[in-house]
Amino acid sequence: FPGIFAGALQVRASRITEGMKLAAAEALAAVVADELSADNIIPSPFDERVAPAVTAAVAAAARVEGVARR
């Protein structure tokens, strides 16, 4: 969840919404999509693609939902 906070802080969101959480989950799923298997359903916490993907998705969702102040 560091990406959730980073995305919210990036746009100075007034709150974290369900849509922002859903965007974070979808971003996580997109990172692992090509490597999906029974043993690999979430990316490693050390995967360098995770934080930027989640941050961008959360920031975009905040803008769409109107809670972004920047």
C-alpha atoms as a PDB file:
ATOM      1  CA  PHE A   1       0.000   0.000   0.000  1.00  0.00           C
ATOM      2  CA  PRO A   2       2.871   2.513  -0.183  1.00  0.00           C
ATOM      3  CA  GLY A   3       1.774   3.171  -3.757  1.00  0.00           C
ATOM      4  CA  ILE A   4      -1.695   4.131  -2.539  1.00  0.00           C
ATOM      5  CA  PHE A   5      -0.274   6.764  -0.221  1.00  0.00           C
ATOM      6  CA  ALA A   6       2.242   7.954  -2.813  1.00  0.00           C
ATOM      7  CA  GLY A   7      -0.517   8.421  -5.393  1.00  0.00           C
ATOM      8  CA  ALA A   8      -2.766  10.201  -2.911  1.00  0.00           C
ATOM      9  CA  LEU A   9       0.042  12.503  -1.802  1.00  0.00           C
ATOM     10  CA  GLN A  10       1.113  13.174  -5.378  1.00  0.00           C
ATOM     11  CA  VAL A  11      -2.235  14.804  -6.153  1.00  0.00           C
ATOM     12  CA  ARG A  12      -2.879  15.992  -2.595  1.00  0.00           C
ATOM     13  CA  ALA A  13      -6.083  13.958  -2.421  1.00  0.00           C
ATOM     14  CA  SER A  14      -8.528  15.016   0.264  1.00  0.00           C
ATOM     15  CA  ARG A  15      -9.277  11.371   1.079  1.00  0.00           C
ATOM     16  CA  ILE A  16      -8.675   7.833  -0.140  1.00  0.00           C
ATOM     17  CA  THR A  17     -11.753   6.505  -1.901  1.00  0.00           C
ATOM     18  CA  GLU A  18     -12.936   3.029  -2.783  1.00  0.00           C
ATOM     19  CA  GLY A  19     -12.226   3.861  -6.431  1.00  0.00           C
ATOM     20  CA  MET A  20      -8.618   4.654  -5.592  1.00  0.00           C
ATOM     21  CA  LYS A  21      -8.269   1.336  -3.758  1.00  0.00           C
ATOM     22  CA  LEU A  22      -9.825  -0.479  -6.707  1.00  0.00           C
ATOM     23  CA  ALA A  23      -7.432   1.286  -9.096  1.00  0.00           C
ATOM     24  CA  ALA A  24      -4.519   0.089  -6.941  1.00  0.00           C
ATOM     25  CA  ALA A  25      -5.789  -3.494  -7.069  1.00  0.00           C
ATOM     26  CA  GLU A  26      -6.241  -3.342 -10.835  1.00  0.00           C
ATOM     27  CA  ALA A  27      -2.727  -1.931 -11.245  1.00  0.00           C
ATOM     28  CA  LEU A  28      -1.335  -4.830  -9.188  1.00  0.00           C
ATOM     29  CA  ALA A  29      -3.230  -7.297 -11.359  1.00  0.00           C
ATOM     30  CA  ALA A  30      -1.896  -5.649 -14.519  1.00  0.00           C
ATOM     31  CA  VAL A  31       1.695  -5.973 -13.308  1.00  0.00           C
ATOM     32  CA  VAL A  32       1.401  -9.722 -12.823  1.00  0.00           C
ATOM     33  CA  ALA A  33      -0.919 -10.381 -15.795  1.00  0.00           C
ATOM     34  CA  ASP A  34       1.739 -11.857 -18.112  1.00  0.00           C
ATOM     35  CA  GLU A  35       3.199 -14.056 -15.376  1.00  0.00           C
ATOM     36  CA  LEU A  36      -0.090 -15.244 -13.876  1.00  0.00           C
ATOM     37  CA  SER A  37      -0.115 -18.825 -12.603  1.00  0.00           C
ATOM     38  CA  ALA A  38      -1.439 -20.786  -9.635  1.00  0.00           C
ATOM     39  CA  ASP A  39       1.767 -19.951  -7.743  1.00  0.00           C
ATOM     40  CA  ASN A  40       2.009 -16.333  -8.878  1.00  0.00           C
ATOM     41  CA  ILE A  41      -1.160 -14.335  -8.318  1.00  0.00           C
ATOM     42  CA  ILE A  42       0.383 -11.159  -6.887  1.00  0.00           C
ATOM     43  CA  PRO A  43       3.681  -9.500  -7.772  1.00  0.00           C
ATOM     44  CA  SER A  44       6.663  -9.687  -5.463  1.00  0.00           C
ATOM     45  CA  PRO A  45       6.985  -6.738  -3.095  1.00  0.00           C
ATOM     46  CA  PHE A  46      10.458  -6.290  -4.581  1.00  0.00           C
ATOM     47  CA  ASP A  47       9.133  -5.976  -8.151  1.00  0.00           C
ATOM     48  CA  GLU A  48      10.205  -2.505  -9.279  1.00  0.00           C
ATOM     49  CA  ARG A  49       7.140  -2.138 -11.520  1.00  0.00           C
ATOM     50  CA  VAL A  50       4.651  -2.244  -8.651  1.00  0.00           C
ATOM     51  CA  ALA A  51       5.077   1.114  -6.906  1.00  0.00           C
ATOM     52  CA  PRO A  52       5.062   3.296 -10.054  1.00  0.00           C
ATOM     53  CA  ALA A  53       2.056   1.433 -11.503  1.00  0.00           C
ATOM     54  CA  VAL A  54       0.011   1.711  -8.307  1.00  0.00           C
ATOM     55  CA  THR A  55       1.019   5.342  -7.719  1.00  0.00           C
ATOM     56  CA  ALA A  56      -0.050   6.380 -11.220  1.00  0.00           C
ATOM     57  CA  ALA A  57      -3.327   4.460 -11.050  1.00  0.00           C
ATOM     58  CA  VAL A  58      -4.270   5.907  -7.660  1.00  0.00           C
ATOM     59  CA  ALA A  59      -3.420   9.455  -8.733  1.00  0.00           C
ATOM     60  CA  ALA A  60      -5.499   9.067 -11.898  1.00  0.00           C
ATOM     61  CA  ALA A  61      -8.457   7.671  -9.947  1.00  0.00           C
ATOM     62  CA  ALA A  62      -8.266  10.580  -7.495  1.00  0.00           C
ATOM     63  CA  ARG A  63      -8.471  13.025 -10.390  1.00  0.00           C
ATOM     64  CA  VAL A  64     -11.426  11.197 -11.929  1.00  0.00           C
ATOM     65  CA  GLU A  65     -13.278  11.055  -8.615  1.00  0.00           C
ATOM     66  CA  GLY A  66     -12.678  14.727  -7.902  1.00  0.00           C
ATOM     67  CA  VAL A  67     -10.721  14.329  -4.665  1.00  0.00           C
ATOM     68  CA  ALA A  68      -7.410  15.529  -6.137  1.00  0.00           C
ATOM     69  CA  ARG A  69      -6.402  19.025  -5.131  1.00  0.00           C
ATOM     70  CA  ARG A  70      -3.512  19.246  -7.567  1.00  0.00           C
END
